[in-house]
Amino acid sequence: MKDDKHRRPVAPENAGADGLIEGRNVVMEALRSGAAIDKVYLAKGETDNTLGYLAAAARSRGVVVVEADRRKLDAMSRTHSHQGVIAIAAVREYASVEDMLTAAREKGEAPLLVVCDELSDPHNLGAVIRTAECAGAHGVIIPKRRSAGLTAVVAKTSAGAVSYLPVARVPNLTALLKQLKQEGIWVFGTAADGATSLYEADLKGPAAIVIGSEGDGMSRLVREQCDFLLSIPMRGQVNSLNASAAAAIVLYEAVRQRI
């Protein structure tokens, strides 16, 4: 296994401060160089062979490819010459879930993982990564689609935590949770209507904490894979917490129990 703390971001030299890489030749060169790419946006409806080749090259490297309306690309563009393709650089390589479990075993600790179910706000994801690293979690797991990735905004919001905490990206969260349960890891979902109060839950053992999306919470299929649905006691008039705030509360209850 690679020593995750010694991995370094492989950011393309031609990426802007916001991580945008624009233009066919520039994006292709970034893919060929092995640079860490989070996502590639292609103009919808284009049948150009070059764009098709770009899409195939990106997918072969496990990069998410999204077809977008040309007006969206125009709005994203900083150079105004995107030629139908914009890539977003990742600030570092993604890890694997096995890396996280191996790291926990090597430390002699019960795995503590955070699973983000379609957190689309990069500020929320960055805040979750920051808290997870501070709490000593072994990694954060996100889905490939309908989620923020390891972009420059996420890195900035994490206050550098992305350099130390492994983040894995998986194609299917439901399948992942089934796999984790087979590995002996208990899955705890956060839900306002959860039957188990957070302060009654046993988080000392191997645990994966699932944080739902900003608007809809956990998806139905992910929710069905949870062993326990945790509710955070609410004493005010507002009956919900920001996703990253909920993650912080649950993670530090796990820290309290594990000390």
Protein backbone atom coordinates (compact mmCIF):
# COMPACT_ATOMS: atom_id res chain seq x y z
CA MET A 1 0.00 0.00 0.00
CA LYS A 2 1.18 3.54 -0.70
CA ASP A 3 1.91 5.73 2.32
CA ASP A 4 -0.99 8.13 1.88
CA LYS A 5 0.57 10.95 3.88
CA HIS A 6 3.42 11.11 1.41
CA ARG A 7 1.26 11.34 -1.68
CA ARG A 8 1.46 14.71 -3.34
CA PRO A 9 -1.08 16.45 -5.56
CA VAL A 10 -0.38 15.98 -9.24
CA ALA A 11 -1.94 19.18 -10.49
CA PRO A 12 -1.51 20.22 -14.12
CA GLU A 13 0.80 23.19 -14.62
CA ASN A 14 -1.68 24.85 -16.95
CA ALA A 15 -4.59 24.80 -14.50
CA GLY A 16 -5.82 28.15 -13.23
CA ALA A 17 -6.06 29.02 -9.55
CA ASP A 18 -9.61 27.65 -9.58
CA GLY A 19 -8.45 24.40 -11.18
CA LEU A 20 -10.01 25.02 -14.59
CA ILE A 21 -8.25 23.59 -17.66
CA GLU A 22 -9.72 24.77 -20.97
CA GLY A 23 -9.31 23.78 -24.60
CA ARG A 24 -8.90 20.49 -26.40
CA ASN A 25 -5.13 20.32 -26.65
CA VAL A 26 -4.59 21.52 -23.09
CA VAL A 27 -7.06 19.05 -21.58
CA MET A 28 -5.64 16.20 -23.65
CA GLU A 29 -2.12 17.04 -22.52
CA ALA A 30 -3.26 17.08 -18.90
CA LEU A 31 -4.78 13.60 -19.34
CA ARG A 32 -1.66 12.27 -21.06
CA SER A 33 0.63 13.65 -18.36
CA GLY A 34 -1.15 11.69 -15.64
CA ALA A 35 -2.33 14.86 -13.88
CA ALA A 36 -5.06 14.42 -11.27
CA ILE A 37 -8.33 15.37 -12.98
CA ASP A 38 -11.59 15.49 -11.06
CA LYS A 39 -14.09 15.95 -13.87
CA VAL A 40 -14.32 16.72 -17.58
CA TYR A 41 -17.21 18.72 -19.05
CA LEU A 42 -17.97 18.25 -22.76
CA ALA A 43 -20.36 20.27 -24.92
CA LYS A 44 -23.62 18.37 -25.27
CA GLY A 45 -24.60 17.26 -28.74
CA GLU A 46 -21.13 17.59 -30.28
CA THR A 47 -20.16 14.71 -32.59
CA ASP A 48 -16.58 15.85 -33.11
CA ASN A 49 -14.11 12.94 -33.17
CA THR A 50 -11.61 14.85 -31.03
CA LEU A 51 -14.15 15.32 -28.23
CA GLY A 52 -15.07 11.64 -28.48
CA TYR A 53 -11.41 10.71 -28.11
CA LEU A 54 -11.06 13.06 -25.13
CA ALA A 55 -14.08 11.45 -23.46
CA ALA A 56 -12.69 7.95 -24.00
CA ALA A 57 -9.27 8.97 -22.65
CA ALA A 58 -10.84 10.51 -19.55
CA ARG A 59 -13.08 7.52 -18.83
CA SER A 60 -10.17 5.11 -19.24
CA ARG A 61 -8.49 6.94 -16.34
CA GLY A 62 -11.61 6.79 -14.19
CA VAL A 63 -12.39 10.50 -14.65
CA VAL A 64 -16.05 11.51 -14.53
CA VAL A 65 -17.24 12.85 -17.90
CA VAL A 66 -20.29 15.13 -17.95
CA GLU A 67 -22.13 16.42 -21.00
CA ALA A 68 -23.09 20.04 -20.46
CA ASP A 69 -24.96 22.68 -22.40
CA ARG A 70 -22.55 24.98 -24.24
CA ARG A 71 -24.02 27.93 -22.31
CA LYS A 72 -22.88 26.31 -19.06
CA LEU A 73 -19.38 25.90 -20.48
CA ASP A 74 -19.42 29.55 -21.55
CA ALA A 75 -20.39 30.57 -18.02
CA MET A 76 -17.65 28.40 -16.48
CA SER A 77 -14.94 29.56 -18.89
CA ARG A 78 -12.26 32.03 -17.85
CA THR A 79 -10.51 32.17 -21.23
CA HIS A 80 -13.64 32.25 -23.42
CA SER A 81 -11.96 29.77 -25.76
CA HIS A 82 -12.87 26.41 -24.21
CA GLN A 83 -13.48 24.71 -27.60
CA GLY A 84 -16.26 22.59 -26.11
CA VAL A 85 -14.24 21.06 -23.25
CA ILE A 86 -13.36 22.14 -19.72
CA ALA A 87 -11.63 19.95 -17.16
CA ILE A 88 -11.42 20.56 -13.44
CA ALA A 89 -8.15 19.59 -11.82
CA ALA A 90 -8.15 17.55 -8.62
CA VAL A 91 -5.83 18.83 -5.92
CA ARG A 92 -4.63 15.29 -5.23
CA GLU A 93 -5.15 11.70 -6.29
CA TYR A 94 -8.08 9.76 -4.91
CA ALA A 95 -7.31 6.92 -2.52
CA SER A 96 -9.01 3.54 -2.30
CA VAL A 97 -11.27 2.31 0.48
CA GLU A 98 -8.83 -0.54 1.02
CA ASP A 99 -6.10 2.03 1.71
CA MET A 100 -8.25 3.41 4.54
CA LEU A 101 -8.98 0.02 6.09
CA THR A 102 -5.33 -0.97 5.85
CA ALA A 103 -4.28 2.27 7.57
CA ALA A 104 -6.70 1.57 10.42
CA ARG A 105 -5.35 -1.97 10.83
CA GLU A 106 -1.76 -0.75 10.83
CA LYS A 107 -2.59 1.73 13.60
CA GLY A 108 -4.44 -0.91 15.60
CA GLU A 109 -7.61 1.18 15.50
CA ALA A 110 -11.23 0.37 14.71
CA PRO A 111 -12.00 1.91 11.30
CA LEU A 112 -13.83 5.24 11.40
CA LEU A 113 -15.03 6.29 7.94
CA VAL A 114 -17.25 9.11 6.72
CA VAL A 115 -19.49 8.45 3.72
CA CYS A 116 -20.94 11.53 2.01
CA ASP A 117 -24.13 10.77 0.10
CA GLU A 118 -24.16 13.31 -2.75
CA LEU A 119 -22.82 16.41 -1.00
CA SER A 120 -22.82 18.82 -3.93
CA ASP A 121 -21.65 21.94 -2.09
CA PRO A 122 -17.81 22.02 -2.16
CA HIS A 123 -17.75 24.13 1.01
CA ASN A 124 -19.71 21.44 2.87
CA LEU A 125 -17.45 18.68 1.58
CA GLY A 126 -14.34 20.64 2.49
CA ALA A 127 -15.67 21.26 6.00
CA VAL A 128 -16.48 17.55 6.44
CA ILE A 129 -12.97 16.57 5.33
CA ARG A 130 -11.46 19.09 7.75
CA THR A 131 -13.50 17.79 10.71
CA ALA A 132 -12.88 14.15 9.78
CA GLU A 133 -9.13 14.72 9.71
CA CYS A 134 -9.20 16.56 13.05
CA ALA A 135 -11.26 13.74 14.58
CA GLY A 136 -8.78 11.08 13.45
CA ALA A 137 -11.09 9.41 10.92
CA HIS A 138 -9.38 7.08 8.47
CA GLY A 139 -10.99 8.48 5.35
CA VAL A 140 -13.91 10.11 3.56
CA ILE A 141 -15.80 8.37 0.77
CA ILE A 142 -17.81 10.16 -1.92
CA PRO A 143 -19.76 8.97 -4.99
CA LYS A 144 -18.41 9.57 -8.48
CA ARG A 145 -21.50 11.43 -9.60
CA ARG A 146 -23.75 14.09 -8.08
CA SER A 147 -21.05 15.07 -5.62
CA ALA A 148 -18.42 17.74 -5.22
CA GLY A 149 -14.89 16.40 -5.80
CA LEU A 150 -11.38 17.27 -4.68
CA THR A 151 -11.35 20.69 -6.27
CA ALA A 152 -9.47 23.83 -5.29
CA VAL A 153 -12.52 25.15 -3.41
CA VAL A 154 -12.81 21.93 -1.40
CA ALA A 155 -9.09 22.03 -0.62
CA LYS A 156 -9.26 25.63 0.58
CA THR A 157 -12.31 24.98 2.76
CA SER A 158 -10.63 21.92 4.27
CA ALA A 159 -7.78 24.18 5.49
CA GLY A 160 -5.22 21.74 4.11
CA ALA A 161 -6.82 18.57 5.50
CA VAL A 162 -7.02 17.06 1.99
CA SER A 163 -3.22 16.72 2.11
CA TYR A 164 -3.46 14.31 5.05
CA LEU A 165 -6.82 12.53 4.92
CA PRO A 166 -7.46 10.02 2.12
CA VAL A 167 -10.60 10.56 0.07
CA ALA A 168 -12.00 7.73 -2.06
CA ARG A 169 -14.49 8.06 -4.90
CA VAL A 170 -16.70 5.07 -5.68
CA PRO A 171 -19.22 4.41 -8.46
CA ASN A 172 -21.97 3.04 -6.19
CA LEU A 173 -22.46 3.90 -2.52
CA THR A 174 -25.04 1.16 -1.95
CA ALA A 175 -22.60 -1.52 -3.12
CA LEU A 176 -19.86 0.06 -1.03
CA LEU A 177 -21.94 -0.04 2.15
CA LYS A 178 -22.76 -3.71 1.54
CA GLN A 179 -19.03 -4.38 1.19
CA LEU A 180 -18.21 -2.49 4.39
CA LYS A 181 -20.82 -4.46 6.32
CA GLN A 182 -19.26 -7.70 5.05
CA GLU A 183 -15.96 -6.39 6.46
CA GLY A 184 -17.59 -6.10 9.88
CA ILE A 185 -18.14 -2.34 9.81
CA TRP A 186 -21.37 -0.97 11.28
CA VAL A 187 -23.12 1.65 9.15
CA PHE A 188 -24.65 4.63 10.94
CA GLY A 189 -26.85 6.98 8.94
CA THR A 190 -27.78 10.45 10.11
CA ALA A 191 -31.47 11.27 9.86
CA ALA A 192 -33.83 13.67 11.61
CA ASP A 193 -36.30 10.83 12.14
CA GLY A 194 -33.67 8.31 13.23
CA ALA A 195 -34.85 5.81 15.83
CA THR A 196 -31.54 5.83 17.73
CA SER A 197 -30.43 8.92 19.62
CA LEU A 198 -26.81 9.79 18.88
CA TYR A 199 -25.93 9.58 22.58
CA GLU A 200 -27.33 6.04 22.82
CA ALA A 201 -25.31 4.73 19.86
CA ASP A 202 -22.16 2.65 20.31
CA LEU A 203 -19.53 4.22 18.04
CA LYS A 204 -16.49 2.60 19.64
CA GLY A 205 -16.28 -0.25 17.13
CA PRO A 206 -15.70 -0.25 13.35
CA ALA A 207 -18.02 2.46 12.03
CA ALA A 208 -19.00 4.19 8.82
CA ILE A 209 -20.96 7.41 9.37
CA VAL A 210 -23.21 8.39 6.46
CA ILE A 211 -23.95 12.08 5.91
CA GLY A 212 -26.85 12.85 3.58
CA SER A 213 -27.08 15.56 0.95
CA GLU A 214 -27.82 19.19 1.80
CA GLY A 215 -31.42 19.17 0.62
CA ASP A 216 -32.78 15.63 0.63
CA GLY A 217 -30.65 13.78 3.15
CA MET A 218 -29.74 10.19 2.41
CA SER A 219 -31.11 8.52 -0.69
CA ARG A 220 -33.53 5.66 -0.16
CA LEU A 221 -31.13 2.91 -1.23
CA VAL A 222 -28.33 4.24 0.97
CA ARG A 223 -30.70 4.63 3.91
CA GLU A 224 -31.79 0.99 3.55
CA GLN A 225 -28.18 -0.15 3.98
CA CYS A 226 -27.75 1.60 7.34
CA ASP A 227 -27.65 -0.60 10.43
CA PHE A 228 -28.73 2.34 12.60
CA LEU A 229 -30.35 5.69 11.86
CA LEU A 230 -29.00 8.29 14.28
CA SER A 231 -30.87 11.41 15.33
CA ILE A 232 -29.16 14.40 16.88
CA PRO A 233 -31.25 15.90 19.73
CA MET A 234 -32.72 19.25 18.64
CA ARG A 235 -33.80 21.76 21.30
CA GLY A 236 -34.47 24.88 19.23
CA GLN A 237 -37.10 25.94 16.73
CA VAL A 238 -35.05 24.94 13.67
CA ASN A 239 -35.24 21.19 13.19
CA SER A 240 -32.21 20.50 11.00
CA LEU A 241 -28.46 21.09 10.89
CA ASN A 242 -26.08 21.85 8.06
CA ALA A 243 -24.54 18.61 6.73
CA SER A 244 -21.01 19.51 7.84
CA ALA A 245 -22.24 20.55 11.31
CA ALA A 246 -24.06 17.23 11.70
CA ALA A 247 -20.92 15.39 10.64
CA ALA A 248 -18.87 17.26 13.25
CA ILE A 249 -21.28 16.44 16.06
CA VAL A 250 -21.41 12.72 15.22
CA LEU A 251 -17.67 12.43 14.65
CA TYR A 252 -16.79 14.01 17.96
CA GLU A 253 -19.24 11.79 19.80
CA ALA A 254 -17.28 8.90 18.27
CA VAL A 255 -14.04 10.56 19.45
CA ARG A 256 -15.47 10.94 22.98
CA GLN A 257 -16.44 7.28 23.12
CA ARG A 258 -13.10 6.08 21.74
CA ILE A 259 -10.88 8.06 24.16
